[in-house]
Amino acid sequence: MKILRNIQFSSLIFRSLCLLVLATVTFSTSAAALPADQKQLIENNIPYYDIREAQICANSSGALGDPSLIGSENAEIAYNYMRGNDLSPMHAAAVIGNLMWESGVMPERIQGSPIRLSKDPNDAGSLGWGIMQWTPATKIFGLMEQAGITTPVYELGSQLQLEWWHMTNIAPPGGRNILPGFKATTTLEDATKYYMDKMEAPKAATAALNKRIEYARAALAKYGEGTVDSTQPIPSAGGGGCGPSSAGAPGATGPCTGNGDMVGNEAILACARLFDPYGYLWGGGHEDPEQFMRKFNATGGFSQPFKQVVDCSGLEMVAIYLAFGVKITPYSTRSIQTVKEFREIPVSQSKPGDILWRQGHTEIAVTDGGTRTFGAKSAKKPPADQIAETKSSGYTKAYTYIGKGSTRQ
């Protein structure tokens, strides 16, 4: 493909060669020459291709399908699909925030915890299924037929088509063509809530609007600067999509600042939330944070939810690195008071992004006064609850980050 980039072929020849590359890799009989992971994909009838080559071919003129179906993980693919349908970065992120809360953007996800996956909606019974958690799951068959979608129901692309059909035709709660009203919203919070109300219509007790907004902010931070339709480079997976802030100064626009609407220490909380839903791992995150992120991404990165990755203080150190590019003094719950980048403050004065401490455990403040916290809790909890937000309990000390990028010098 390097040669193809340097020689100008006609569009017809180029498209043909792109298809030939995919066919050769997918159906080659010389499987012994392929890496083990590619062999496993082929044996399970899953086409394998290099995403970078797919971008070149798809962008050449759409010969391989909709160029918006590009990304290294489901959330990114869904985001680019929405951008390809002319949604703004903010509105595309609002959609992803809702899908992350509903299913983690897993097209085979059955409602409930721990995670269960199935290609057959019948296996979900009366529960929800798919990226939108259609409930009961079997209703998706009739909806697919009504929308004229004939590709397999368990494929992400099929479900994204159905979601778009809902937005432009009949939404699951019954509203018609909710797209104009959705596009008329002017803030990420309003867009996320509008989608939730019109497309999901959850019961008030299970709405979790704040969680959906946090996911939307993370999606905008991760994919909003440098998607395939941008003049900026596609973000490197090495930063987990939440890389070091561009200027490291209060008010700077960077990947964890929500493109300017989140500044300073709140970015620590935003970056930490990227690890929900992941799992608790004692000692995880205590090595050099740059090496940690390389290892994390080499084993699936943010496309592998509920993988056990960090402990409480490890999550905080990684989040600070992702927010500001700062490798702070390594610490544990026993040595946090020695960290030169922290200043101790009363718990009552803590704000979002500050670190709360109690004997043997630390978490990140979500609210003023630390009444709610977010952190890596325990491997003994169910997978979905190991890294999560909860009501604060028993914290006796608080520490605020005062290093590069902080608003609390």
Protein backbone atom coordinates (compact mmCIF):
# COMPACT_ATOMS: atom_id res chain seq x y z
CA MET A 1 0.00 0.00 0.00
CA LYS A 2 2.97 2.36 0.45
CA ILE A 3 3.56 2.16 -3.30
CA LEU A 4 -0.11 2.96 -3.91
CA ARG A 5 0.20 6.12 -1.90
CA ASN A 6 3.06 7.35 -4.07
CA ILE A 7 1.67 6.51 -7.51
CA GLN A 8 -1.48 8.05 -8.96
CA PHE A 9 -3.76 5.33 -10.20
CA SER A 10 -7.19 5.82 -11.64
CA SER A 11 -10.00 5.56 -9.09
CA LEU A 12 -11.25 2.33 -10.66
CA ILE A 13 -7.88 0.57 -10.37
CA PHE A 14 -7.39 1.91 -6.84
CA ARG A 15 -10.73 0.62 -5.62
CA SER A 16 -10.07 -2.77 -7.18
CA LEU A 17 -6.68 -3.09 -5.53
CA CYS A 18 -8.15 -2.13 -2.14
CA LEU A 19 -10.71 -4.89 -2.45
CA LEU A 20 -8.01 -7.30 -3.57
CA VAL A 21 -5.92 -6.52 -0.47
CA LEU A 22 -8.86 -7.29 1.81
CA ALA A 23 -9.77 -10.45 -0.04
CA THR A 24 -6.20 -11.68 -0.01
CA VAL A 25 -5.76 -11.16 3.73
CA THR A 26 -9.14 -12.56 4.63
CA PHE A 27 -9.26 -15.61 2.46
CA SER A 28 -5.60 -16.53 2.03
CA THR A 29 -5.00 -20.25 2.32
CA SER A 30 -1.48 -19.75 3.64
CA ALA A 31 -2.72 -19.24 7.20
CA ALA A 32 0.54 -20.45 8.65
CA ALA A 33 2.17 -17.14 7.69
CA LEU A 34 -0.38 -15.10 9.66
CA PRO A 35 -0.07 -14.03 13.32
CA ALA A 36 -2.11 -16.01 15.83
CA ASP A 37 -4.65 -13.23 16.39
CA GLN A 38 -5.37 -12.96 12.66
CA LYS A 39 -5.71 -16.76 12.38
CA GLN A 40 -8.27 -16.74 15.18
CA LEU A 41 -10.30 -14.02 13.45
CA ILE A 42 -10.28 -15.88 10.14
CA GLU A 43 -11.19 -19.20 11.76
CA ASN A 44 -14.22 -17.48 13.31
CA ASN A 45 -15.23 -15.97 9.96
CA ILE A 46 -14.32 -12.44 11.07
CA PRO A 47 -12.58 -10.48 8.26
CA TYR A 48 -9.26 -9.01 9.37
CA TYR A 49 -7.77 -5.85 7.95
CA ASP A 50 -5.43 -3.06 8.95
CA ILE A 51 -7.55 -0.06 9.97
CA ARG A 52 -5.01 2.34 8.43
CA GLU A 53 -5.31 0.61 5.05
CA ALA A 54 -9.10 0.57 5.42
CA GLN A 55 -9.11 4.34 5.91
CA ILE A 56 -7.10 4.87 2.72
CA CYS A 57 -9.36 2.60 0.69
CA ALA A 58 -12.66 3.78 2.15
CA ASN A 59 -11.77 7.44 1.79
CA SER A 60 -10.72 6.96 -1.84
CA SER A 61 -14.39 7.08 -2.94
CA GLY A 62 -16.39 4.83 -0.64
CA ALA A 63 -15.65 1.68 -2.61
CA LEU A 64 -15.48 -0.39 0.57
CA GLY A 65 -18.67 1.02 2.03
CA ASP A 66 -19.55 4.04 4.14
CA PRO A 67 -16.26 5.75 5.11
CA SER A 68 -17.84 6.76 8.44
CA LEU A 69 -17.66 3.11 9.55
CA ILE A 70 -14.08 3.62 10.60
CA GLY A 71 -12.51 3.33 14.03
CA SER A 72 -10.41 1.17 16.28
CA GLU A 73 -13.22 0.55 18.78
CA ASN A 74 -17.01 0.44 18.72
CA ALA A 75 -17.52 3.86 20.29
CA GLU A 76 -15.23 5.49 17.72
CA ILE A 77 -16.95 3.69 14.85
CA ALA A 78 -20.35 4.86 16.14
CA TYR A 79 -19.06 8.41 16.58
CA ASN A 80 -17.69 8.51 13.02
CA TYR A 81 -20.94 7.06 11.70
CA MET A 82 -22.88 9.90 13.30
CA ARG A 83 -20.40 12.45 11.97
CA GLY A 84 -20.80 10.88 8.54
CA ASN A 85 -24.52 11.60 8.81
CA ASP A 86 -23.75 15.29 9.30
CA LEU A 87 -24.04 15.48 13.08
CA SER A 88 -21.69 17.97 14.72
CA PRO A 89 -18.93 16.63 17.00
CA MET A 90 -20.99 17.73 20.02
CA HIS A 91 -24.16 15.96 18.86
CA ALA A 92 -22.27 12.81 17.83
CA ALA A 93 -20.67 12.70 21.29
CA ALA A 94 -24.11 13.09 22.92
CA VAL A 95 -25.27 9.97 21.09
CA ILE A 96 -22.17 8.04 22.18
CA GLY A 97 -22.63 9.14 25.80
CA ASN A 98 -26.07 7.53 25.82
CA LEU A 99 -24.93 4.38 24.04
CA MET A 100 -22.02 3.96 26.46
CA TRP A 101 -24.43 4.05 29.39
CA GLU A 102 -26.93 1.73 27.74
CA SER A 103 -24.59 -0.97 26.45
CA GLY A 104 -20.96 0.13 26.26
CA VAL A 105 -21.71 0.23 22.47
CA MET A 106 -21.72 -3.59 22.42
CA PRO A 107 -24.12 -4.84 19.72
CA GLU A 108 -24.47 -8.29 21.35
CA ARG A 109 -24.92 -6.99 24.91
CA ILE A 110 -27.74 -8.45 27.00
CA GLN A 111 -29.11 -6.15 29.69
CA GLY A 112 -27.72 -6.63 33.19
CA SER A 113 -24.49 -7.35 35.03
CA PRO A 114 -22.14 -9.17 34.73
CA ILE A 115 -21.82 -8.72 30.97
CA ARG A 116 -23.46 -11.37 28.80
CA LEU A 117 -23.19 -11.39 25.03
CA SER A 118 -25.22 -13.19 22.38
CA LYS A 119 -25.72 -12.85 18.65
CA ASP A 120 -29.33 -13.98 19.10
CA PRO A 121 -31.78 -11.48 20.65
CA ASN A 122 -33.98 -14.42 21.69
CA ASP A 123 -31.39 -15.26 24.34
CA ALA A 124 -32.21 -11.99 26.12
CA GLY A 125 -35.83 -12.97 26.74
CA SER A 126 -37.72 -9.98 28.13
CA LEU A 127 -34.50 -8.03 28.76
CA GLY A 128 -32.87 -5.38 26.61
CA TRP A 129 -30.34 -6.20 23.89
CA GLY A 130 -27.98 -4.38 21.54
CA ILE A 131 -26.39 -0.96 21.54
CA MET A 132 -29.70 0.76 22.37
CA GLN A 133 -30.93 -2.08 24.59
CA TRP A 134 -34.09 -2.64 22.57
CA THR A 135 -36.65 -4.09 25.03
CA PRO A 136 -37.87 -6.73 24.76
CA ALA A 137 -34.94 -7.79 22.65
CA THR A 138 -36.96 -9.60 19.97
CA LYS A 139 -38.72 -6.40 18.91
CA ILE A 140 -35.58 -5.57 16.94
CA PHE A 141 -36.52 -8.13 14.27
CA GLY A 142 -39.67 -6.26 13.33
CA LEU A 143 -37.92 -2.91 13.51
CA MET A 144 -35.14 -4.08 11.18
CA GLU A 145 -37.73 -5.26 8.67
CA GLN A 146 -39.67 -2.00 8.97
CA ALA A 147 -36.48 -0.01 8.40
CA GLY A 148 -35.49 -2.16 5.41
CA ILE A 149 -32.22 -3.33 6.98
CA THR A 150 -31.22 -6.81 5.79
CA THR A 151 -27.70 -7.19 7.23
CA PRO A 152 -27.23 -9.41 10.33
CA VAL A 153 -28.99 -8.01 13.36
CA TYR A 154 -25.97 -8.51 15.65
CA GLU A 155 -23.61 -6.38 13.55
CA LEU A 156 -22.71 -2.91 14.79
CA GLY A 157 -23.31 -1.40 11.35
CA SER A 158 -26.84 -2.84 11.21
CA GLN A 159 -27.73 -1.44 14.61
CA LEU A 160 -26.27 1.98 13.79
CA GLN A 161 -28.46 2.05 10.69
CA LEU A 162 -31.48 1.20 12.83
CA GLU A 163 -30.57 3.86 15.36
CA TRP A 164 -30.37 6.46 12.60
CA TRP A 165 -33.71 5.25 11.25
CA HIS A 166 -35.19 5.80 14.71
CA MET A 167 -33.81 9.36 14.79
CA THR A 168 -35.19 10.23 11.37
CA ASN A 169 -38.42 8.21 11.41
CA ILE A 170 -39.95 6.67 14.53
CA ALA A 171 -38.08 6.78 17.86
CA PRO A 172 -38.55 3.83 20.23
CA PRO A 173 -40.82 5.83 22.60
CA GLY A 174 -43.00 6.78 19.62
CA GLY A 175 -41.87 10.28 18.64
CA ARG A 176 -41.36 11.01 14.95
CA ASN A 177 -38.26 12.54 13.33
CA ILE A 178 -36.57 13.76 16.49
CA LEU A 179 -33.47 14.79 14.50
CA PRO A 180 -34.33 18.51 13.95
CA GLY A 181 -35.00 19.04 17.65
CA PHE A 182 -31.86 17.16 18.58
CA LYS A 183 -29.71 19.23 16.23
CA ALA A 184 -31.26 22.42 17.61
CA THR A 185 -29.73 21.83 21.06
CA THR A 186 -26.73 24.06 21.73
CA THR A 187 -24.91 22.43 24.63
CA LEU A 188 -23.53 18.94 25.17
CA GLU A 189 -25.65 18.55 28.31
CA ASP A 190 -28.87 19.53 26.54
CA ALA A 191 -28.08 17.31 23.55
CA THR A 192 -27.38 14.32 25.77
CA LYS A 193 -30.61 14.85 27.72
CA TYR A 194 -32.68 15.40 24.56
CA TYR A 195 -31.44 12.13 23.08
CA MET A 196 -32.06 10.31 26.37
CA ASP A 197 -35.62 11.64 26.65
CA LYS A 198 -36.61 11.16 23.01
CA MET A 199 -34.74 7.97 22.14
CA GLU A 200 -34.46 6.07 25.42
CA ALA A 201 -37.16 7.55 27.66
CA PRO A 202 -35.84 5.74 30.76
CA LYS A 203 -37.59 5.75 34.09
CA ALA A 204 -36.38 8.61 36.27
CA ALA A 205 -34.73 6.23 38.73
CA THR A 206 -32.54 4.71 36.04
CA ALA A 207 -31.89 7.73 33.84
CA ALA A 208 -28.33 8.40 35.12
CA LEU A 209 -28.17 11.63 33.13
CA ASN A 210 -24.97 12.77 34.79
CA LYS A 211 -23.28 9.52 33.82
CA ARG A 212 -24.43 9.86 30.22
CA ILE A 213 -23.08 13.42 30.13
CA GLU A 214 -19.72 12.29 31.51
CA TYR A 215 -19.49 9.61 28.83
CA ALA A 216 -20.44 12.21 26.21
CA ARG A 217 -17.70 14.54 27.44
CA ALA A 218 -15.20 11.71 27.29
CA ALA A 219 -16.30 10.85 23.74
CA LEU A 220 -15.98 14.47 22.63
CA ALA A 221 -12.56 14.66 24.25
CA LYS A 222 -11.41 11.40 22.72
CA TYR A 223 -12.82 11.66 19.20
CA GLY A 224 -13.76 15.32 18.74
CA GLU A 225 -10.33 16.54 17.69
CA GLY A 226 -8.86 14.60 14.78
CA THR A 227 -11.57 12.30 13.43
CA VAL A 228 -11.39 11.10 9.83
CA ASP A 229 -13.14 14.22 8.53
CA SER A 230 -10.74 16.57 10.30
CA THR A 231 -7.57 18.23 9.13
CA GLN A 232 -5.92 17.10 12.36
CA PRO A 233 -4.22 13.69 12.74
CA ILE A 234 -6.26 10.81 14.10
CA PRO A 235 -5.48 10.56 17.85
CA SER A 236 -2.92 7.93 18.74
CA ALA A 237 -4.14 4.99 20.78
CA GLY A 238 -1.05 5.43 22.91
CA GLY A 239 -2.79 8.24 24.77
CA GLY A 240 -5.95 6.29 25.32
CA GLY A 241 -7.82 9.07 23.60
CA CYS A 242 -7.31 11.27 26.63
CA GLY A 243 -3.79 12.48 26.11
CA PRO A 244 -1.73 15.22 27.73
CA SER A 245 -3.33 18.66 27.61
CA SER A 246 -2.08 20.81 24.74
CA ALA A 247 -0.91 23.69 26.87
CA GLY A 248 -1.10 22.43 30.42
CA ALA A 249 -2.49 25.76 31.58
CA PRO A 250 -5.82 26.71 33.17
CA GLY A 251 -8.41 27.06 30.44
CA ALA A 252 -6.31 25.29 27.82
CA THR A 253 -8.16 23.24 25.24
CA GLY A 254 -6.97 19.66 25.44
CA PRO A 255 -8.31 16.13 25.06
CA CYS A 256 -9.49 15.89 28.68
CA THR A 257 -10.86 19.42 28.98
CA GLY A 258 -14.04 18.87 27.02
CA ASN A 259 -12.73 21.17 24.26
CA GLY A 260 -12.65 24.15 26.59
CA ASP A 261 -15.72 23.70 28.79
CA MET A 262 -13.74 21.82 31.45
CA VAL A 263 -10.57 23.26 32.95
CA GLY A 264 -7.91 22.45 35.50
CA ASN A 265 -8.41 19.73 38.05
CA GLU A 266 -11.81 18.67 36.73
CA ALA A 267 -9.91 17.11 33.83
CA ILE A 268 -8.49 14.56 36.31
CA LEU A 269 -12.01 13.30 36.97
CA ALA A 270 -12.88 13.32 33.26
CA CYS A 271 -9.82 11.24 32.37
CA ALA A 272 -10.41 8.83 35.24
CA ARG A 273 -13.95 8.23 34.01
CA LEU A 274 -12.58 6.82 30.77
CA PHE A 275 -11.75 3.70 32.81
CA ASP A 276 -15.41 3.07 33.63
CA PRO A 277 -16.37 0.32 32.85
CA TYR A 278 -13.08 -1.41 33.68
CA GLY A 279 -11.94 -3.51 36.62
CA TYR A 280 -9.82 -3.15 39.74
CA LEU A 281 -6.31 -4.62 39.73
CA TRP A 282 -4.13 -4.26 42.83
CA GLY A 283 -0.90 -2.52 41.87
CA GLY A 284 -2.22 -1.52 38.44
CA GLY A 285 -1.16 1.92 37.24
CA HIS A 286 1.85 2.26 39.53
CA GLU A 287 4.50 1.89 36.84
CA ASP A 288 5.56 4.76 34.58
CA PRO A 289 2.20 6.06 33.22
CA GLU A 290 3.47 6.28 29.66
CA GLN A 291 4.54 2.63 29.79
CA PHE A 292 1.23 1.74 31.44
CA MET A 293 -0.76 3.29 28.58
CA ARG A 294 1.37 1.50 25.99
CA LYS A 295 0.75 -1.81 27.71
CA PHE A 296 -2.94 -1.00 28.18
CA ASN A 297 -3.45 -0.23 24.50
CA ALA A 298 -1.36 -3.20 23.38
CA THR A 299 -3.87 -5.50 25.14
CA GLY A 300 -7.02 -3.98 23.66
CA GLY A 301 -7.16 -0.55 25.30
CA PHE A 302 -10.56 1.08 25.61
CA SER A 303 -12.17 -1.53 23.35
CA GLN A 304 -12.01 -4.17 26.12
CA PRO A 305 -14.44 -3.09 28.91
CA PHE A 306 -14.27 -4.69 32.37
CA LYS A 307 -10.66 -5.77 31.95
CA GLN A 308 -8.90 -5.37 35.32
CA VAL A 309 -6.35 -2.58 34.96
CA VAL A 310 -5.75 -0.24 37.94
CA ASP A 311 -6.08 0.15 41.70
CA CYS A 312 -7.27 3.27 43.50
CA SER A 313 -4.13 5.40 43.52
CA GLY A 314 -2.96 3.92 40.21
CA LEU A 315 -6.11 5.25 38.54
CA GLU A 316 -5.43 8.72 39.93
CA MET A 317 -1.80 8.80 38.77
CA VAL A 318 -2.76 7.66 35.26
CA ALA A 319 -5.61 10.21 35.11
CA ILE A 320 -3.26 13.06 36.07
CA TYR A 321 -0.83 11.95 33.38
CA LEU A 322 -3.58 11.77 30.76
CA ALA A 323 -4.98 15.16 31.78
CA PHE A 324 -1.76 17.14 31.99
CA GLY A 325 1.12 14.98 30.74
CA VAL A 326 2.62 15.02 34.25
CA LYS A 327 4.25 11.96 35.79
CA ILE A 328 3.68 12.82 39.43
CA THR A 329 5.60 11.37 42.35
CA PRO A 330 4.47 7.71 42.67
CA TYR A 331 2.37 7.15 45.76
CA SER A 332 0.16 4.72 47.61
CA THR A 333 -2.48 5.30 50.24
CA ARG A 334 0.32 5.20 52.82
CA SER A 335 2.54 7.80 51.14
CA ILE A 336 0.15 10.26 49.51
CA GLN A 337 1.16 13.00 51.96
CA THR A 338 4.70 12.97 50.49
CA VAL A 339 3.62 13.85 46.93
CA LYS A 340 4.99 17.29 46.10
CA GLU A 341 2.30 17.88 43.49
CA PHE A 342 -0.44 17.61 46.16
CA ARG A 343 -1.53 20.00 48.87
CA GLU A 344 -3.68 18.80 51.77
CA ILE A 345 -7.01 20.57 52.22
CA PRO A 346 -10.08 20.00 54.43
CA VAL A 347 -12.51 17.46 53.02
CA SER A 348 -15.25 20.10 53.20
CA GLN A 349 -13.29 22.28 50.74
CA SER A 350 -12.68 19.55 48.17
CA LYS A 351 -13.90 20.05 44.62
CA PRO A 352 -14.27 17.78 41.58
CA GLY A 353 -10.88 16.31 40.69
CA ASP A 354 -9.45 16.44 44.22
CA ILE A 355 -8.28 13.25 45.92
CA LEU A 356 -10.08 12.02 49.05
CA TRP A 357 -8.29 9.75 51.53
CA ARG A 358 -9.25 7.29 54.21
CA GLN A 359 -7.19 4.52 55.76
CA GLY A 360 -6.19 2.16 52.95
CA HIS A 361 -8.12 3.84 50.12
CA THR A 362 -8.33 6.96 47.93
CA GLU A 363 -10.89 8.21 45.40
CA ILE A 364 -11.58 11.31 43.29
CA ALA A 365 -14.13 13.89 44.39
CA VAL A 366 -17.11 14.24 42.02
CA THR A 367 -18.96 16.98 43.90
CA ASP A 368 -18.06 19.98 46.05
CA GLY A 369 -17.31 18.75 49.53
CA GLY A 370 -16.68 15.24 48.25
CA THR A 371 -20.20 13.96 48.92
CA ARG A 372 -19.79 11.68 45.90
CA THR A 373 -16.59 10.07 44.68
CA PHE A 374 -15.28 8.13 41.69
CA GLY A 375 -12.53 5.55 41.86
CA ALA A 376 -11.19 2.02 41.63
CA LYS A 377 -12.83 0.26 44.55
CA SER A 378 -12.23 -3.46 44.94
CA ALA A 379 -11.79 -6.63 42.89
CA LYS A 380 -14.37 -8.24 45.19
CA LYS A 381 -17.20 -6.18 43.71
CA PRO A 382 -19.13 -7.15 40.55
CA PRO A 383 -17.21 -6.16 37.39
CA ALA A 384 -19.47 -3.21 36.62
CA ASP A 385 -18.92 -1.75 40.12
CA GLN A 386 -15.16 -2.13 40.48
CA ILE A 387 -14.45 1.30 38.96
CA ALA A 388 -17.47 3.51 39.50
CA GLU A 389 -19.07 6.53 41.15
CA THR A 390 -20.63 6.13 44.60
CA LYS A 391 -21.74 8.12 47.62
CA SER A 392 -18.79 9.24 49.74
CA SER A 393 -18.05 7.31 52.92
CA GLY A 394 -15.53 7.79 55.71
CA TYR A 395 -12.96 10.06 54.05
CA THR A 396 -10.95 12.06 56.57
CA LYS A 397 -8.40 13.88 54.38
CA ALA A 398 -8.35 15.55 50.98
CA TYR A 399 -5.53 16.48 48.63
CA THR A 400 -5.68 18.89 45.70
CA TYR A 401 -3.38 18.66 42.72
CA ILE A 402 -1.24 21.81 42.36
CA GLY A 403 1.10 20.82 39.55
CA LYS A 404 1.18 21.78 35.88
CA GLY A 405 -2.31 22.53 34.53
CA SER A 406 -3.93 22.96 37.95
CA THR A 407 -6.35 25.80 38.66
CA ARG A 408 -5.61 25.56 42.38
CA GLN A 409 -2.06 26.80 42.80
